[in-house]
């Protein structure tokens, strides 16, 4: 079995298949609402269909998404690619760590 494992991973990567799907807490008043592009997996968790990152929206409404992402419903944004988004830091909420850049609405994205 070991000799088949690495070729399977390589084939999956060439086909654009994610090796692991992102799992995250659902939204809504029940905690079971999942955004478009994800499925409810039970016990209050959703799973990304394609491995791209889902994260809570920003702004007063909780629906503001940074550049490079789009709003998918139920208070969630989804990355347009496989780069990681994180909340900005500092007193202004716009400071990003080394290796990341500010993308708006209080979010940084990895380079």
C-alpha atoms as a PDB file:
ATOM      1  CA  UNK A   1       0.000   0.000   0.000  1.00  0.00           C
ATOM      2  CA  UNK A   2       2.857   2.403   0.800  1.00  0.00           C
ATOM      3  CA  UNK A   3       4.210   2.332  -2.745  1.00  0.00           C
ATOM      4  CA  UNK A   4       0.829   3.488  -4.113  1.00  0.00           C
ATOM      5  CA  UNK A   5       0.290   6.348  -1.645  1.00  0.00           C
ATOM      6  CA  UNK A   6       2.715   8.901  -3.132  1.00  0.00           C
ATOM      7  CA  UNK A   7       1.567   8.408  -6.745  1.00  0.00           C
ATOM      8  CA  UNK A   8      -2.047   8.897  -5.654  1.00  0.00           C
ATOM      9  CA  UNK A   9      -1.148  12.191  -3.963  1.00  0.00           C
ATOM     10  CA  UNK A  10       0.706  13.357  -7.066  1.00  0.00           C
ATOM     11  CA  UNK A  11      -2.184  12.442  -9.348  1.00  0.00           C
ATOM     12  CA  UNK A  12      -4.647  14.251  -7.067  1.00  0.00           C
ATOM     13  CA  UNK A  13      -2.479  17.385  -7.072  1.00  0.00           C
ATOM     14  CA  UNK A  14      -2.299  17.430 -10.871  1.00  0.00           C
ATOM     15  CA  UNK A  15      -6.068  17.107 -11.096  1.00  0.00           C
ATOM     16  CA  UNK A  16      -6.501  20.072  -8.766  1.00  0.00           C
ATOM     17  CA  UNK A  17      -8.032  18.008  -5.997  1.00  0.00           C
ATOM     18  CA  UNK A  18      -7.456  19.279  -2.509  1.00  0.00           C
ATOM     19  CA  UNK A  19      -5.714  16.812  -0.203  1.00  0.00           C
ATOM     20  CA  UNK A  20      -7.676  18.161   2.757  1.00  0.00           C
ATOM     21  CA  UNK A  21     -10.899  20.115   2.975  1.00  0.00           C
ATOM     22  CA  UNK A  22     -11.297  23.035   5.337  1.00  0.00           C
ATOM     23  CA  UNK A  23     -13.704  22.385   8.211  1.00  0.00           C
ATOM     24  CA  UNK A  24     -15.220  25.369  10.034  1.00  0.00           C
ATOM     25  CA  UNK A  25     -18.044  26.272  12.411  1.00  0.00           C
ATOM     26  CA  UNK A  26     -21.447  26.901  10.841  1.00  0.00           C
ATOM     27  CA  UNK A  27     -23.266  30.210  11.181  1.00  0.00           C
ATOM     28  CA  UNK A  28     -26.771  31.437  11.782  1.00  0.00           C
ATOM     29  CA  UNK A  29     -28.766  31.318  15.001  1.00  0.00           C
ATOM     30  CA  UNK A  30     -28.694  27.511  15.025  1.00  0.00           C
ATOM     31  CA  UNK A  31     -24.974  27.290  14.217  1.00  0.00           C
ATOM     32  CA  UNK A  32     -25.746  24.918  11.346  1.00  0.00           C
ATOM     33  CA  UNK A  33     -26.030  27.368   8.429  1.00  0.00           C
ATOM     34  CA  UNK A  34     -23.324  26.721   5.840  1.00  0.00           C
ATOM     35  CA  UNK A  35     -22.433  29.099   3.000  1.00  0.00           C
ATOM     36  CA  UNK A  36     -22.723  28.279  -0.686  1.00  0.00           C
ATOM     37  CA  UNK A  37     -19.848  26.008  -1.733  1.00  0.00           C
ATOM     38  CA  UNK A  38     -19.825  24.017   1.495  1.00  0.00           C
ATOM     39  CA  UNK A  39     -21.834  21.244   3.142  1.00  0.00           C
ATOM     40  CA  UNK A  40     -23.068  20.684   6.693  1.00  0.00           C
ATOM     41  CA  UNK A  41     -21.162  17.797   8.273  1.00  0.00           C
ATOM     42  CA  UNK A  42     -22.940  17.551  11.612  1.00  0.00           C
ATOM     43  CA  UNK A  43     -22.299  18.799  15.163  1.00  0.00           C
ATOM     44  CA  UNK A  44     -22.213  22.438  14.013  1.00  0.00           C
ATOM     45  CA  UNK A  45     -19.493  22.038  11.365  1.00  0.00           C
ATOM     46  CA  UNK A  46     -19.350  22.824   7.648  1.00  0.00           C
ATOM     47  CA  UNK A  47     -16.798  21.569   5.142  1.00  0.00           C
ATOM     48  CA  UNK A  48     -15.463  23.385   2.084  1.00  0.00           C
ATOM     49  CA  UNK A  49     -16.315  21.608  -1.180  1.00  0.00           C
ATOM     50  CA  UNK A  50     -13.043  22.527  -2.899  1.00  0.00           C
ATOM     51  CA  UNK A  51     -10.586  23.160  -0.052  1.00  0.00           C
ATOM     52  CA  UNK A  52     -10.613  26.950  -0.448  1.00  0.00           C
ATOM     53  CA  UNK A  53     -10.768  28.978   2.761  1.00  0.00           C
ATOM     54  CA  UNK A  54     -14.044  30.209   4.240  1.00  0.00           C
ATOM     55  CA  UNK A  55     -13.898  32.928   6.912  1.00  0.00           C
ATOM     56  CA  UNK A  56     -16.285  35.295   8.697  1.00  0.00           C
ATOM     57  CA  UNK A  57     -16.996  38.546   6.911  1.00  0.00           C
ATOM     58  CA  UNK A  58     -16.036  41.901   8.384  1.00  0.00           C
ATOM     59  CA  UNK A  59     -17.579  45.339   8.682  1.00  0.00           C
ATOM     60  CA  UNK A  60     -20.618  46.376  10.703  1.00  0.00           C
ATOM     61  CA  UNK A  61     -22.890  43.985   8.821  1.00  0.00           C
ATOM     62  CA  UNK A  62     -20.473  41.020   8.948  1.00  0.00           C
ATOM     63  CA  UNK A  63     -20.765  40.648   5.183  1.00  0.00           C
ATOM     64  CA  UNK A  64     -17.816  42.781   3.992  1.00  0.00           C
ATOM     65  CA  UNK A  65     -15.216  40.673   2.174  1.00  0.00           C
ATOM     66  CA  UNK A  66     -11.691  41.721   1.211  1.00  0.00           C
ATOM     67  CA  UNK A  67     -10.284  41.897  -2.310  1.00  0.00           C
ATOM     68  CA  UNK A  68      -9.516  38.386  -3.547  1.00  0.00           C
ATOM     69  CA  UNK A  69     -12.602  36.855  -1.939  1.00  0.00           C
ATOM     70  CA  UNK A  70     -16.362  36.895  -2.333  1.00  0.00           C
ATOM     71  CA  UNK A  71     -19.397  36.799  -0.050  1.00  0.00           C
ATOM     72  CA  UNK A  72     -21.028  33.343  -0.021  1.00  0.00           C
ATOM     73  CA  UNK A  73     -23.913  33.852   2.424  1.00  0.00           C
ATOM     74  CA  UNK A  74     -24.617  33.266   6.127  1.00  0.00           C
ATOM     75  CA  UNK A  75     -21.876  35.729   7.127  1.00  0.00           C
ATOM     76  CA  UNK A  76     -19.035  33.957   5.291  1.00  0.00           C
ATOM     77  CA  UNK A  77     -16.480  35.042   2.685  1.00  0.00           C
ATOM     78  CA  UNK A  78     -14.571  32.574   0.512  1.00  0.00           C
ATOM     79  CA  UNK A  79     -11.079  32.983  -0.896  1.00  0.00           C
ATOM     80  CA  UNK A  80     -10.916  33.053  -4.710  1.00  0.00           C
ATOM     81  CA  UNK A  81      -7.722  30.988  -4.604  1.00  0.00           C
ATOM     82  CA  UNK A  82      -5.897  28.846  -2.049  1.00  0.00           C
ATOM     83  CA  UNK A  83      -4.205  31.749  -0.238  1.00  0.00           C
ATOM     84  CA  UNK A  84      -4.911  32.300   3.470  1.00  0.00           C
ATOM     85  CA  UNK A  85      -6.823  35.304   4.844  1.00  0.00           C
ATOM     86  CA  UNK A  86      -6.448  36.547   8.417  1.00  0.00           C
ATOM     87  CA  UNK A  87      -7.625  39.551  10.434  1.00  0.00           C
ATOM     88  CA  UNK A  88      -5.361  42.581  10.430  1.00  0.00           C
ATOM     89  CA  UNK A  89      -3.698  43.609  13.671  1.00  0.00           C
ATOM     90  CA  UNK A  90      -2.565  46.777  15.395  1.00  0.00           C
ATOM     91  CA  UNK A  91      -4.726  49.589  16.705  1.00  0.00           C
ATOM     92  CA  UNK A  92      -6.104  50.277  13.210  1.00  0.00           C
ATOM     93  CA  UNK A  93      -6.753  46.606  12.377  1.00  0.00           C
ATOM     94  CA  UNK A  94      -4.836  47.023   9.125  1.00  0.00           C
ATOM     95  CA  UNK A  95      -1.346  45.832  10.124  1.00  0.00           C
ATOM     96  CA  UNK A  96      -0.242  42.636   8.387  1.00  0.00           C
ATOM     97  CA  UNK A  97       2.625  40.301   9.265  1.00  0.00           C
ATOM     98  CA  UNK A  98       5.630  39.732   7.026  1.00  0.00           C
ATOM     99  CA  UNK A  99       4.611  37.610   4.038  1.00  0.00           C
ATOM    100  CA  UNK A 100       1.088  39.055   3.896  1.00  0.00           C
ATOM    101  CA  UNK A 101      -0.530  42.153   2.442  1.00  0.00           C
ATOM    102  CA  UNK A 102      -3.570  44.201   3.424  1.00  0.00           C
ATOM    103  CA  UNK A 103      -6.602  43.459   1.197  1.00  0.00           C
ATOM    104  CA  UNK A 104      -9.282  45.686   2.741  1.00  0.00           C
ATOM    105  CA  UNK A 105     -12.121  45.435   5.271  1.00  0.00           C
ATOM    106  CA  UNK A 106      -9.676  44.547   8.071  1.00  0.00           C
ATOM    107  CA  UNK A 107      -8.119  41.508   6.346  1.00  0.00           C
ATOM    108  CA  UNK A 108      -4.611  40.461   5.283  1.00  0.00           C
ATOM    109  CA  UNK A 109      -3.805  37.749   2.732  1.00  0.00           C
ATOM    110  CA  UNK A 110      -0.716  35.574   2.472  1.00  0.00           C
ATOM    111  CA  UNK A 111       1.548  36.256  -0.501  1.00  0.00           C
END
